[in-house]
Amino acid sequence: MEERIGFIGIVIEDMAQANRVNQVVGQYQEIVTGRIGVPDHERNMAVIGLLIRGDDMKVGALTGKLGNIPGVQVKSAMTKK
């Protein structure tokens, strides 16, 4: 499969799920080229941005696992080639 570059945005609405999010991201560390996390302590939420480089299969698996965590929203954008 062809490797593409992209971005994954993660909103953690339930901070009790933060450890699960970090575990999943750690499982795919080979495709993560950059990461930024911004906590919102007042609302007990956080936003994480991942820069990624990988094939559709790995990126889909990562976003799928993250999206199945309750209280977590995930969106991604990938290059066309």
PDB file of N, CA and C in Angstrom:
ATOM      1  N   MET A   1       0.835  -1.188   0.000  1.00  0.00           N
ATOM      2  CA  MET A   1       0.000   0.000   0.000  1.00  0.00           C
ATOM      3  C   MET A   1       0.877   1.247   0.000  1.00  0.00           C
ATOM      4  N   GLU A   2       0.314   2.290  -0.574  1.00  0.00           N
ATOM      5  CA  GLU A   2       1.043   3.551  -0.671  1.00  0.00           C
ATOM      6  C   GLU A   2       1.000   4.315   0.645  1.00  0.00           C
ATOM      7  N   GLU A   3       2.125   4.873   1.039  1.00  0.00           N
ATOM      8  CA  GLU A   3       2.233   5.648   2.261  1.00  0.00           C
ATOM      9  C   GLU A   3       1.786   7.078   1.985  1.00  0.00           C
ATOM     10  N   ARG A   4       0.948   7.613   2.890  1.00  0.00           N
ATOM     11  CA  ARG A   4       0.479   8.985   2.754  1.00  0.00           C
ATOM     12  C   ARG A   4       0.760   9.759   4.039  1.00  0.00           C
ATOM     13  N   ILE A   5       0.703  11.074   3.937  1.00  0.00           N
ATOM     14  CA  ILE A   5       0.924  11.954   5.084  1.00  0.00           C
ATOM     15  C   ILE A   5      -0.421  12.544   5.476  1.00  0.00           C
ATOM     16  N   GLY A   6      -0.633  12.731   6.768  1.00  0.00           N
ATOM     17  CA  GLY A   6      -1.903  13.288   7.195  1.00  0.00           C
ATOM     18  C   GLY A   6      -1.886  13.798   8.616  1.00  0.00           C
ATOM     19  N   PHE A   7      -3.076  14.137   9.065  1.00  0.00           N
ATOM     20  CA  PHE A   7      -3.291  14.695  10.392  1.00  0.00           C
ATOM     21  C   PHE A   7      -4.495  13.996  11.024  1.00  0.00           C
ATOM     22  N   ILE A   8      -4.385  13.679  12.297  1.00  0.00           N
ATOM     23  CA  ILE A   8      -5.509  13.133  13.052  1.00  0.00           C
ATOM     24  C   ILE A   8      -5.771  14.076  14.227  1.00  0.00           C
ATOM     25  N   GLY A   9      -7.003  14.542  14.339  1.00  0.00           N
ATOM     26  CA  GLY A   9      -7.425  15.372  15.463  1.00  0.00           C
ATOM     27  C   GLY A   9      -8.239  14.528  16.427  1.00  0.00           C
ATOM     28  N   ILE A  10      -7.884  14.582  17.687  1.00  0.00           N
ATOM     29  CA  ILE A  10      -8.547  13.786  18.721  1.00  0.00           C
ATOM     30  C   ILE A  10      -9.065  14.731  19.799  1.00  0.00           C
ATOM     31  N   VAL A  11     -10.355  14.635  20.106  1.00  0.00           N
ATOM     32  CA  VAL A  11     -10.935  15.406  21.204  1.00  0.00           C
ATOM     33  C   VAL A  11     -11.336  14.409  22.285  1.00  0.00           C
ATOM     34  N   ILE A  12     -10.742  14.586  23.446  1.00  0.00           N
ATOM     35  CA  ILE A  12     -11.077  13.724  24.590  1.00  0.00           C
ATOM     36  C   ILE A  12     -12.062  14.492  25.457  1.00  0.00           C
ATOM     37  N   GLU A  13     -13.319  14.073  25.416  1.00  0.00           N
ATOM     38  CA  GLU A  13     -14.366  14.734  26.188  1.00  0.00           C
ATOM     39  C   GLU A  13     -14.496  14.145  27.586  1.00  0.00           C
ATOM     40  N   ASP A  14     -13.915  12.983  27.794  1.00  0.00           N
ATOM     41  CA  ASP A  14     -13.933  12.304  29.093  1.00  0.00           C
ATOM     42  C   ASP A  14     -12.485  11.968  29.453  1.00  0.00           C
ATOM     43  N   MET A  15     -11.898  12.771  30.305  1.00  0.00           N
ATOM     44  CA  MET A  15     -10.476  12.611  30.628  1.00  0.00           C
ATOM     45  C   MET A  15     -10.168  11.272  31.290  1.00  0.00           C
ATOM     46  N   ALA A  16     -11.174  10.570  31.752  1.00  0.00           N
ATOM     47  CA  ALA A  16     -10.950   9.225  32.283  1.00  0.00           C
ATOM     48  C   ALA A  16     -10.468   8.286  31.181  1.00  0.00           C
ATOM     49  N   GLN A  17     -10.655   8.674  29.925  1.00  0.00           N
ATOM     50  CA  GLN A  17     -10.242   7.853  28.787  1.00  0.00           C
ATOM     51  C   GLN A  17      -8.843   8.218  28.259  1.00  0.00           C
ATOM     52  N   ALA A  18      -8.198   9.194  28.856  1.00  0.00           N
ATOM     53  CA  ALA A  18      -6.900   9.668  28.360  1.00  0.00           C
ATOM     54  C   ALA A  18      -5.855   8.559  28.315  1.00  0.00           C
ATOM     55  N   ASN A  19      -5.809   7.702  29.320  1.00  0.00           N
ATOM     56  CA  ASN A  19      -4.825   6.611  29.321  1.00  0.00           C
ATOM     57  C   ASN A  19      -5.073   5.646  28.167  1.00  0.00           C
ATOM     58  N   ARG A  20      -6.343   5.346  27.887  1.00  0.00           N
ATOM     59  CA  ARG A  20      -6.663   4.450  26.765  1.00  0.00           C
ATOM     60  C   ARG A  20      -6.235   5.073  25.440  1.00  0.00           C
ATOM     61  N   VAL A  21      -6.465   6.373  25.285  1.00  0.00           N
ATOM     62  CA  VAL A  21      -6.045   7.067  24.064  1.00  0.00           C
ATOM     63  C   VAL A  21      -4.532   6.961  23.912  1.00  0.00           C
ATOM     64  N   ASN A  22      -3.798   7.245  24.969  1.00  0.00           N
ATOM     65  CA  ASN A  22      -2.339   7.183  24.916  1.00  0.00           C
ATOM     66  C   ASN A  22      -1.839   5.770  24.614  1.00  0.00           C
ATOM     67  N   GLN A  23      -2.504   4.763  25.143  1.00  0.00           N
ATOM     68  CA  GLN A  23      -2.112   3.374  24.860  1.00  0.00           C
ATOM     69  C   GLN A  23      -2.282   3.054  23.383  1.00  0.00           C
ATOM     70  N   VAL A  24      -3.405   3.471  22.810  1.00  0.00           N
ATOM     71  CA  VAL A  24      -3.655   3.199  21.390  1.00  0.00           C
ATOM     72  C   VAL A  24      -2.652   3.947  20.515  1.00  0.00           C
ATOM     73  N   VAL A  25      -2.417   5.206  20.813  1.00  0.00           N
ATOM     74  CA  VAL A  25      -1.441   5.983  20.029  1.00  0.00           C
ATOM     75  C   VAL A  25      -0.064   5.327  20.141  1.00  0.00           C
ATOM     76  N   GLY A  26       0.296   4.848  21.309  1.00  0.00           N
ATOM     77  CA  GLY A  26       1.577   4.169  21.498  1.00  0.00           C
ATOM     78  C   GLY A  26       1.715   2.915  20.664  1.00  0.00           C
ATOM     79  N   GLN A  27       0.603   2.211  20.432  1.00  0.00           N
ATOM     80  CA  GLN A  27       0.626   1.001  19.608  1.00  0.00           C
ATOM     81  C   GLN A  27       0.962   1.324  18.142  1.00  0.00           C
ATOM     82  N   TYR A  28       0.728   2.564  17.736  1.00  0.00           N
ATOM     83  CA  TYR A  28       0.959   2.975  16.349  1.00  0.00           C
ATOM     84  C   TYR A  28       2.063   4.025  16.252  1.00  0.00           C
ATOM     85  N   GLN A  29       2.987   4.012  17.210  1.00  0.00           N
ATOM     86  CA  GLN A  29       4.029   5.042  17.240  1.00  0.00           C
ATOM     87  C   GLN A  29       4.897   5.068  15.988  1.00  0.00           C
ATOM     88  N   GLU A  30       4.953   3.951  15.249  1.00  0.00           N
ATOM     89  CA  GLU A  30       5.784   3.916  14.041  1.00  0.00           C
ATOM     90  C   GLU A  30       5.234   4.797  12.928  1.00  0.00           C
ATOM     91  N   ILE A  31       3.947   5.168  12.981  1.00  0.00           N
ATOM     92  CA  ILE A  31       3.401   6.049  11.943  1.00  0.00           C
ATOM     93  C   ILE A  31       3.208   7.485  12.437  1.00  0.00           C
ATOM     94  N   VAL A  32       3.427   7.733  13.730  1.00  0.00           N
ATOM     95  CA  VAL A  32       3.267   9.075  14.295  1.00  0.00           C
ATOM     96  C   VAL A  32       4.594   9.824  14.164  1.00  0.00           C
ATOM     97  N   THR A  33       4.559  10.945  13.421  1.00  0.00           N
ATOM     98  CA  THR A  33       5.779  11.734  13.233  1.00  0.00           C
ATOM     99  C   THR A  33       5.793  13.002  14.083  1.00  0.00           C
ATOM    100  N   GLY A  34       4.634  13.367  14.631  1.00  0.00           N
ATOM    101  CA  GLY A  34       4.551  14.536  15.498  1.00  0.00           C
ATOM    102  C   GLY A  34       3.286  14.484  16.326  1.00  0.00           C
ATOM    103  N   ARG A  35       3.331  15.140  17.480  1.00  0.00           N
ATOM    104  CA  ARG A  35       2.180  15.110  18.381  1.00  0.00           C
ATOM    105  C   ARG A  35       2.151  16.391  19.188  1.00  0.00           C
ATOM    106  N   ILE A  36       0.937  16.924  19.362  1.00  0.00           N
ATOM    107  CA  ILE A  36       0.743  18.069  20.252  1.00  0.00           C
ATOM    108  C   ILE A  36      -0.522  17.809  21.054  1.00  0.00           C
ATOM    109  N   GLY A  37      -0.470  18.108  22.334  1.00  0.00           N
ATOM    110  CA  GLY A  37      -1.622  17.929  23.201  1.00  0.00           C
ATOM    111  C   GLY A  37      -1.907  19.204  23.967  1.00  0.00           C
ATOM    112  N   VAL A  38      -3.184  19.578  24.003  1.00  0.00           N
ATOM    113  CA  VAL A  38      -3.585  20.790  24.704  1.00  0.00           C
ATOM    114  C   VAL A  38      -4.719  20.449  25.664  1.00  0.00           C
ATOM    115  N   PRO A  39      -4.439  20.461  26.958  1.00  0.00           N
ATOM    116  CA  PRO A  39      -5.496  20.173  27.937  1.00  0.00           C
ATOM    117  C   PRO A  39      -6.348  21.414  28.206  1.00  0.00           C
ATOM    118  N   ASP A  40      -7.608  21.209  28.498  1.00  0.00           N
ATOM    119  CA  ASP A  40      -8.502  22.270  28.940  1.00  0.00           C
ATOM    120  C   ASP A  40      -8.973  21.863  30.333  1.00  0.00           C
ATOM    121  N   HIS A  41      -8.244  22.309  31.329  1.00  0.00           N
ATOM    122  CA  HIS A  41      -8.509  21.888  32.708  1.00  0.00           C
ATOM    123  C   HIS A  41      -9.862  22.372  33.216  1.00  0.00           C
ATOM    124  N   GLU A  42     -10.308  23.531  32.752  1.00  0.00           N
ATOM    125  CA  GLU A  42     -11.588  24.060  33.206  1.00  0.00           C
ATOM    126  C   GLU A  42     -12.754  23.174  32.779  1.00  0.00           C
ATOM    127  N   ARG A  43     -12.654  22.602  31.590  1.00  0.00           N
ATOM    128  CA  ARG A  43     -13.732  21.761  31.062  1.00  0.00           C
ATOM    129  C   ARG A  43     -13.448  20.271  31.214  1.00  0.00           C
ATOM    130  N   ASN A  44     -12.275  19.942  31.766  1.00  0.00           N
ATOM    131  CA  ASN A  44     -11.861  18.551  31.925  1.00  0.00           C
ATOM    132  C   ASN A  44     -11.873  17.811  30.585  1.00  0.00           C
ATOM    133  N   MET A  45     -11.277  18.466  29.574  1.00  0.00           N
ATOM    134  CA  MET A  45     -11.192  17.925  28.221  1.00  0.00           C
ATOM    135  C   MET A  45      -9.767  18.138  27.704  1.00  0.00           C
ATOM    136  N   ALA A  46      -9.470  17.548  26.551  1.00  0.00           N
ATOM    137  CA  ALA A  46      -8.179  17.760  25.919  1.00  0.00           C
ATOM    138  C   ALA A  46      -8.305  17.565  24.416  1.00  0.00           C
ATOM    139  N   VAL A  47      -7.401  18.208  23.687  1.00  0.00           N
ATOM    140  CA  VAL A  47      -7.312  18.037  22.239  1.00  0.00           C
ATOM    141  C   VAL A  47      -5.895  17.579  21.921  1.00  0.00           C
ATOM    142  N   ILE A  48      -5.796  16.552  21.086  1.00  0.00           N
ATOM    143  CA  ILE A  48      -4.501  16.034  20.655  1.00  0.00           C
ATOM    144  C   ILE A  48      -4.462  16.076  19.133  1.00  0.00           C
ATOM    145  N   GLY A  49      -3.351  16.546  18.593  1.00  0.00           N
ATOM    146  CA  GLY A  49      -3.134  16.526  17.150  1.00  0.00           C
ATOM    147  C   GLY A  49      -1.968  15.614  16.831  1.00  0.00           C
ATOM    148  N   LEU A  50      -2.165  14.706  15.877  1.00  0.00           N
ATOM    149  CA  LEU A  50      -1.102  13.795  15.458  1.00  0.00           C
ATOM    150  C   LEU A  50      -0.763  14.038  13.993  1.00  0.00           C
ATOM    151  N   LEU A  51       0.504  14.184  13.690  1.00  0.00           N
ATOM    152  CA  LEU A  51       0.972  14.159  12.311  1.00  0.00           C
ATOM    153  C   LEU A  51       1.374  12.729  12.039  1.00  0.00           C
ATOM    154  N   ILE A  52       0.907  12.188  10.926  1.00  0.00           N
ATOM    155  CA  ILE A  52       1.146  10.775  10.667  1.00  0.00           C
ATOM    156  C   ILE A  52       1.668  10.550   9.254  1.00  0.00           C
ATOM    157  N   ARG A  53       2.333   9.412   9.091  1.00  0.00           N
ATOM    158  CA  ARG A  53       2.834   8.968   7.793  1.00  0.00           C
ATOM    159  C   ARG A  53       2.663   7.458   7.763  1.00  0.00           C
ATOM    160  N   GLY A  54       1.711   6.991   6.934  1.00  0.00           N
ATOM    161  CA  GLY A  54       1.459   5.562   6.891  1.00  0.00           C
ATOM    162  C   GLY A  54       0.490   5.197   5.789  1.00  0.00           C
ATOM    163  N   ASP A  55       0.263   3.909   5.635  1.00  0.00           N
ATOM    164  CA  ASP A  55      -0.669   3.451   4.609  1.00  0.00           C
ATOM    165  C   ASP A  55      -2.099   3.484   5.159  1.00  0.00           C
ATOM    166  N   ASP A  56      -3.060   3.370   4.249  1.00  0.00           N
ATOM    167  CA  ASP A  56      -4.468   3.468   4.624  1.00  0.00           C
ATOM    168  C   ASP A  56      -4.869   2.449   5.689  1.00  0.00           C
ATOM    169  N   MET A  57      -4.295   1.269   5.622  1.00  0.00           N
ATOM    170  CA  MET A  57      -4.657   0.199   6.550  1.00  0.00           C
ATOM    171  C   MET A  57      -4.288   0.581   7.986  1.00  0.00           C
ATOM    172  N   LYS A  58      -3.055   1.047   8.194  1.00  0.00           N
ATOM    173  CA  LYS A  58      -2.604   1.408   9.544  1.00  0.00           C
ATOM    174  C   LYS A  58      -3.328   2.643  10.061  1.00  0.00           C
ATOM    175  N   VAL A  59      -3.497   3.639   9.200  1.00  0.00           N
ATOM    176  CA  VAL A  59      -4.176   4.866   9.620  1.00  0.00           C
ATOM    177  C   VAL A  59      -5.630   4.557   9.975  1.00  0.00           C
ATOM    178  N   GLY A  60      -6.288   3.742   9.162  1.00  0.00           N
ATOM    179  CA  GLY A  60      -7.667   3.347   9.434  1.00  0.00           C
ATOM    180  C   GLY A  60      -7.801   2.566  10.731  1.00  0.00           C
ATOM    181  N   ALA A  61      -6.834   1.693  10.989  1.00  0.00           N
ATOM    182  CA  ALA A  61      -6.868   0.920  12.234  1.00  0.00           C
ATOM    183  C   ALA A  61      -6.701   1.842  13.442  1.00  0.00           C
ATOM    184  N   LEU A  62      -5.787   2.795  13.345  1.00  0.00           N
ATOM    185  CA  LEU A  62      -5.564   3.741  14.443  1.00  0.00           C
ATOM    186  C   LEU A  62      -6.808   4.582  14.696  1.00  0.00           C
ATOM    187  N   THR A  63      -7.355   5.198  13.648  1.00  0.00           N
ATOM    188  CA  THR A  63      -8.524   6.049  13.850  1.00  0.00           C
ATOM    189  C   THR A  63      -9.737   5.230  14.301  1.00  0.00           C
ATOM    190  N   GLY A  64      -9.858   4.016  13.818  1.00  0.00           N
ATOM    191  CA  GLY A  64     -10.964   3.157  14.239  1.00  0.00           C
ATOM    192  C   GLY A  64     -10.900   2.811  15.710  1.00  0.00           C
ATOM    193  N   LYS A  65      -9.713   2.447  16.183  1.00  0.00           N
ATOM    194  CA  LYS A  65      -9.561   2.115  17.608  1.00  0.00           C
ATOM    195  C   LYS A  65      -9.819   3.329  18.490  1.00  0.00           C
ATOM    196  N   LEU A  66      -9.307   4.486  18.059  1.00  0.00           N
ATOM    197  CA  LEU A  66      -9.533   5.702  18.837  1.00  0.00           C
ATOM    198  C   LEU A  66     -11.013   6.073  18.851  1.00  0.00           C
ATOM    199  N   GLY A  67     -11.663   5.962  17.707  1.00  0.00           N
ATOM    200  CA  GLY A  67     -13.074   6.317  17.599  1.00  0.00           C
ATOM    201  C   GLY A  67     -13.999   5.408  18.380  1.00  0.00           C
ATOM    202  N   ASN A  68     -13.545   4.222  18.718  1.00  0.00           N
ATOM    203  CA  ASN A  68     -14.359   3.288  19.504  1.00  0.00           C
ATOM    204  C   ASN A  68     -14.241   3.498  21.014  1.00  0.00           C
ATOM    205  N   ILE A  69     -13.391   4.430  21.425  1.00  0.00           N
ATOM    206  CA  ILE A  69     -13.257   4.736  22.852  1.00  0.00           C
ATOM    207  C   ILE A  69     -14.376   5.711  23.230  1.00  0.00           C
ATOM    208  N   PRO A  70     -15.209   5.354  24.214  1.00  0.00           N
ATOM    209  CA  PRO A  70     -16.292   6.260  24.628  1.00  0.00           C
ATOM    210  C   PRO A  70     -15.741   7.609  25.097  1.00  0.00           C
ATOM    211  N   GLY A  71     -16.400   8.692  24.712  1.00  0.00           N
ATOM    212  CA  GLY A  71     -15.976  10.022  25.137  1.00  0.00           C
ATOM    213  C   GLY A  71     -14.830  10.581  24.320  1.00  0.00           C
ATOM    214  N   VAL A  72     -14.520   9.954  23.171  1.00  0.00           N
ATOM    215  CA  VAL A  72     -13.423  10.405  22.312  1.00  0.00           C
ATOM    216  C   VAL A  72     -13.962  10.604  20.894  1.00  0.00           C
ATOM    217  N   GLN A  73     -13.657  11.769  20.322  1.00  0.00           N
ATOM    218  CA  GLN A  73     -14.038  12.087  18.941  1.00  0.00           C
ATOM    219  C   GLN A  73     -12.764  12.158  18.098  1.00  0.00           C
ATOM    220  N   VAL A  74     -12.826  11.643  16.861  1.00  0.00           N
ATOM    221  CA  VAL A  74     -11.640  11.571  16.007  1.00  0.00           C
ATOM    222  C   VAL A  74     -12.000  12.017  14.591  1.00  0.00           C
ATOM    223  N   LYS A  75     -11.142  12.835  14.001  1.00  0.00           N
ATOM    224  CA  LYS A  75     -11.266  13.242  12.596  1.00  0.00           C
ATOM    225  C   LYS A  75      -9.883  13.173  11.970  1.00  0.00           C
ATOM    226  N   SER A  76      -9.829  12.838  10.684  1.00  0.00           N
ATOM    227  CA  SER A  76      -8.532  12.763  10.024  1.00  0.00           C
ATOM    228  C   SER A  76      -8.595  13.414   8.644  1.00  0.00           C
ATOM    229  N   ALA A  77      -7.446  13.826   8.167  1.00  0.00           N
ATOM    230  CA  ALA A  77      -7.291  14.369   6.819  1.00  0.00           C
ATOM    231  C   ALA A  77      -5.978  13.814   6.272  1.00  0.00           C
ATOM    232  N   MET A  78      -6.030  13.297   5.044  1.00  0.00           N
ATOM    233  CA  MET A  78      -4.862  12.659   4.449  1.00  0.00           C
ATOM    234  C   MET A  78      -4.595  13.240   3.065  1.00  0.00           C
ATOM    235  N   THR A  79      -3.312  13.197   2.653  1.00  0.00           N
ATOM    236  CA  THR A  79      -2.978  13.588   1.303  1.00  0.00           C
ATOM    237  C   THR A  79      -3.601  12.590   0.333  1.00  0.00           C
ATOM    238  N   LYS A  80      -3.827  13.017  -0.895  1.00  0.00           N
ATOM    239  CA  LYS A  80      -4.437  12.140  -1.883  1.00  0.00           C
ATOM    240  C   LYS A  80      -3.454  11.133  -2.436  1.00  0.00           C
ATOM    241  N   LYS A  81      -2.163  11.462  -2.390  1.00  0.00           N
ATOM    242  CA  LYS A  81      -1.149  10.510  -2.863  1.00  0.00           C
ATOM    243  C   LYS A  81       0.069  10.530  -1.999  1.00  0.00           C
TER     244      LYS A  81
END
